[in-house]
C-alpha atoms as a PDB file:
ATOM      1  CA  MET A   1      -0.566   0.309  -0.318  1.00  0.00           C
ATOM      2  CA  THR A   2       0.933   3.482  -1.121  1.00  0.00           C
ATOM      3  CA  ASP A   3       0.868   6.218   1.974  1.00  0.00           C
ATOM      4  CA  LEU A   4      -0.153   9.949   0.956  1.00  0.00           C
ATOM      5  CA  VAL A   5       2.986  12.208   3.238  1.00  0.00           C
ATOM      6  CA  ASP A   6       4.280  12.871  -0.501  1.00  0.00           C
ATOM      7  CA  LEU A   7       1.038  14.681  -0.400  1.00  0.00           C
ATOM      8  CA  ASP A   8      -0.299  18.547   1.211  1.00  0.00           C
ATOM      9  CA  ASN A   9      -2.263  18.872   3.277  1.00  0.00           C
ATOM     10  CA  GLY A  10      -5.766  19.550   1.826  1.00  0.00           C
ATOM     11  CA  GLU A  11      -8.830  19.279  -0.604  1.00  0.00           C
ATOM     12  CA  TYR A  12      -7.895  16.635  -3.913  1.00  0.00           C
ATOM     13  CA  THR A  13     -10.040  15.834  -6.396  1.00  0.00           C
ATOM     14  CA  ALA A  14      -9.417  12.252  -6.478  1.00  0.00           C
ATOM     15  CA  VAL A  15     -10.437   9.077  -9.659  1.00  0.00           C
ATOM     16  CA  VAL A  16     -10.650   5.675  -9.262  1.00  0.00           C
ATOM     17  CA  ASP A  17      -8.642   3.703 -11.716  1.00  0.00           C
ATOM     18  CA  SER A  18      -9.441   0.305 -10.653  1.00  0.00           C
ATOM     19  CA  ILE A  19     -10.111  -2.065  -7.571  1.00  0.00           C
ATOM     20  CA  GLU A  20      -8.315  -5.629  -7.280  1.00  0.00           C
ATOM     21  CA  ASP A  21      -8.572  -7.698  -4.820  1.00  0.00           C
ATOM     22  CA  GLY A  22      -9.452  -5.486  -1.758  1.00  0.00           C
ATOM     23  CA  PHE A  23      -7.284  -2.869  -3.169  1.00  0.00           C
ATOM     24  CA  ALA A  24      -8.058   0.875  -5.110  1.00  0.00           C
ATOM     25  CA  THR A  25      -5.106   2.835  -7.384  1.00  0.00           C
ATOM     26  CA  VAL A  26      -6.324   5.776  -6.813  1.00  0.00           C
ATOM     27  CA  PHE A  27      -5.238   9.743  -8.685  1.00  0.00           C
ATOM     28  CA  PHE A  28      -5.125  12.634  -7.182  1.00  0.00           C
ATOM     29  CA  GLU A  29      -5.875  15.294  -8.682  1.00  0.00           C
ATOM     30  CA  ARG A  30      -5.081  19.546  -7.501  1.00  0.00           C
ATOM     31  CA  ASP A  31      -6.376  22.296 -10.273  1.00  0.00           C
ATOM     32  CA  GLY A  32      -7.471  19.809 -12.724  1.00  0.00           C
ATOM     33  CA  GLU A  33      -3.529  18.343 -13.217  1.00  0.00           C
ATOM     34  CA  GLU A  34      -2.071  15.090 -11.920  1.00  0.00           C
ATOM     35  CA  VAL A  35       0.159  15.779  -8.309  1.00  0.00           C
ATOM     36  CA  GLU A  36       0.318  11.794  -7.159  1.00  0.00           C
ATOM     37  CA  SER A  37      -1.339   8.244  -7.035  1.00  0.00           C
ATOM     38  CA  ALA A  38      -1.358   6.125  -4.090  1.00  0.00           C
ATOM     39  CA  VAL A  39      -2.952   2.268  -3.256  1.00  0.00           C
ATOM     40  CA  LEU A  40      -5.390   2.332  -1.274  1.00  0.00           C
ATOM     41  CA  GLU A  41      -7.720  -0.761   0.376  1.00  0.00           C
ATOM     42  CA  ALA A  42     -10.899  -0.089  -0.616  1.00  0.00           C
ATOM     43  CA  ASP A  43     -12.973  -0.312   2.505  1.00  0.00           C
ATOM     44  CA  ARG A  44     -11.340   3.360   2.619  1.00  0.00           C
ATOM     45  CA  LEU A  45     -13.580   4.039   0.591  1.00  0.00           C
ATOM     46  CA  PRO A  46     -16.950   4.994  -0.257  1.00  0.00           C
ATOM     47  CA  GLU A  47     -19.270   2.220  -1.636  1.00  0.00           C
ATOM     48  CA  ASP A  48     -20.726   3.996  -4.786  1.00  0.00           C
ATOM     49  CA  GLY A  49     -17.444   4.932  -5.358  1.00  0.00           C
ATOM     50  CA  HIS A  50     -16.278   1.521  -6.026  1.00  0.00           C
ATOM     51  CA  HIS A  51     -16.066   1.189  -9.332  1.00  0.00           C
ATOM     52  CA  ALA A  52     -13.564   2.307 -12.217  1.00  0.00           C
ATOM     53  CA  ASP A  53     -13.639   6.852 -12.834  1.00  0.00           C
ATOM     54  CA  ALA A  54     -15.266   7.629  -9.455  1.00  0.00           C
ATOM     55  CA  ILE A  55     -14.585  10.862  -8.907  1.00  0.00           C
ATOM     56  CA  LEU A  56     -13.847  11.546  -5.307  1.00  0.00           C
ATOM     57  CA  THR A  57     -13.368  14.515  -3.083  1.00  0.00           C
ATOM     58  CA  VAL A  58     -10.724  13.366  -0.328  1.00  0.00           C
ATOM     59  CA  THR A  59      -9.161  16.548   2.115  1.00  0.00           C
ATOM     60  CA  VAL A  60      -5.440  15.006   2.888  1.00  0.00           C
ATOM     61  CA  VAL A  61      -4.293  15.874   6.527  1.00  0.00           C
ATOM     62  CA  ASP A  62      -0.337  14.386   7.427  1.00  0.00           C
ATOM     63  CA  GLY A  63      -0.019  11.722   4.401  1.00  0.00           C
ATOM     64  CA  ASP A  64      -3.316  10.489   5.592  1.00  0.00           C
ATOM     65  CA  LEU A  65      -7.303  10.428   4.168  1.00  0.00           C
ATOM     66  CA  ASP A  66      -9.242  12.810   6.664  1.00  0.00           C
ATOM     67  CA  THR A  67     -12.535  13.238   4.883  1.00  0.00           C
ATOM     68  CA  VAL A  68     -13.972  11.176   1.667  1.00  0.00           C
ATOM     69  CA  GLN A  69     -17.301  11.704  -0.294  1.00  0.00           C
ATOM     70  CA  TYR A  70     -18.290  10.308  -3.933  1.00  0.00           C
ATOM     71  CA  GLU A  71     -19.587  12.627  -6.670  1.00  0.00           C
ATOM     72  CA  PRO A  72     -21.545  10.981  -8.886  1.00  0.00           C
ATOM     73  CA  GLU A  73     -22.662  13.994 -10.859  1.00  0.00           C
ATOM     74  CA  GLN A  74     -19.036  15.218 -11.968  1.00  0.00           C
ATOM     75  CA  THR A  75     -18.736  10.881 -12.371  1.00  0.00           C
ATOM     76  CA  THR A  76     -21.525  11.426 -14.769  1.00  0.00           C
ATOM     77  CA  LYS A  77     -19.684  15.324 -15.898  1.00  0.00           C
ATOM     78  CA  ARG A  78     -16.509  13.818 -16.628  1.00  0.00           C
ATOM     79  CA  ALA A  79     -17.951  10.289 -18.590  1.00  0.00           C
ATOM     80  CA  ASP A  80     -20.248  12.168 -20.712  1.00  0.00           C
ATOM     81  CA  ALA A  81     -16.746  14.834 -21.662  1.00  0.00           C
ATOM     82  CA  ALA A  82     -14.684  11.528 -22.076  1.00  0.00           C
ATOM     83  CA  GLN A  83     -17.222   9.922 -24.297  1.00  0.00           C
ATOM     84  CA  ASN A  84     -17.729  13.294 -26.415  1.00  0.00           C
ATOM     85  CA  ARG A  85     -14.577  13.449 -26.648  1.00  0.00           C
ATOM     86  CA  PHE A  86     -13.949   9.741 -28.758  1.00  0.00           C
ATOM     87  CA  ASP A  87     -17.091  10.649 -30.333  1.00  0.00           C
ATOM     88  CA  GLN A  88     -15.658  13.520 -32.216  1.00  0.00           C
ATOM     89  CA  LEU A  89     -11.957  11.997 -32.662  1.00  0.00           C
ATOM     90  CA  SER A  90     -13.673   8.744 -34.324  1.00  0.00           C
ATOM     91  CA  LYS A  91     -15.404  11.316 -36.656  1.00  0.00           C
ATOM     92  CA  ARG A  92     -13.179  10.983 -40.202  1.00  0.00           C
ATOM     93  CA  PRO A  93     -13.180  13.853 -42.048  1.00  0.00           C
ATOM     94  CA  PRO A  94     -15.044  14.380 -45.188  1.00  0.00           C
ATOM     95  CA  SER A  95     -12.624  13.108 -48.098  1.00  0.00           C
ATOM     96  CA  GLU A  96     -11.825  15.110 -51.206  1.00  0.00           C
ATOM     97  CA  ASP A  97     -14.371  12.776 -53.005  1.00  0.00           C
ATOM     98  CA  ASP A  98     -16.532  13.590 -50.606  1.00  0.00           C
ATOM     99  CA  SER A  99     -17.320  17.018 -51.774  1.00  0.00           C
END
């Protein structure tokens, strides 16, 4: 397991990457930039946040999670934005024959 001693005290957005064998790989962001990742015991996360791409708001104090809250609206917004980017990238540009 990885502790969070490299993170400054404060609030972060956390993104669950995966959960396997009772452990969650989580990426921590601040101001839209990834700042750290950690492997945590999955039971430290809210039950409804036990899935890939779940967005959490966490507070870190002295290298440990102080508060953790699942953000369902943010999770949906990020998933929708990612799908929209994928949809845009998957569209073929018109060929010269199409004009």
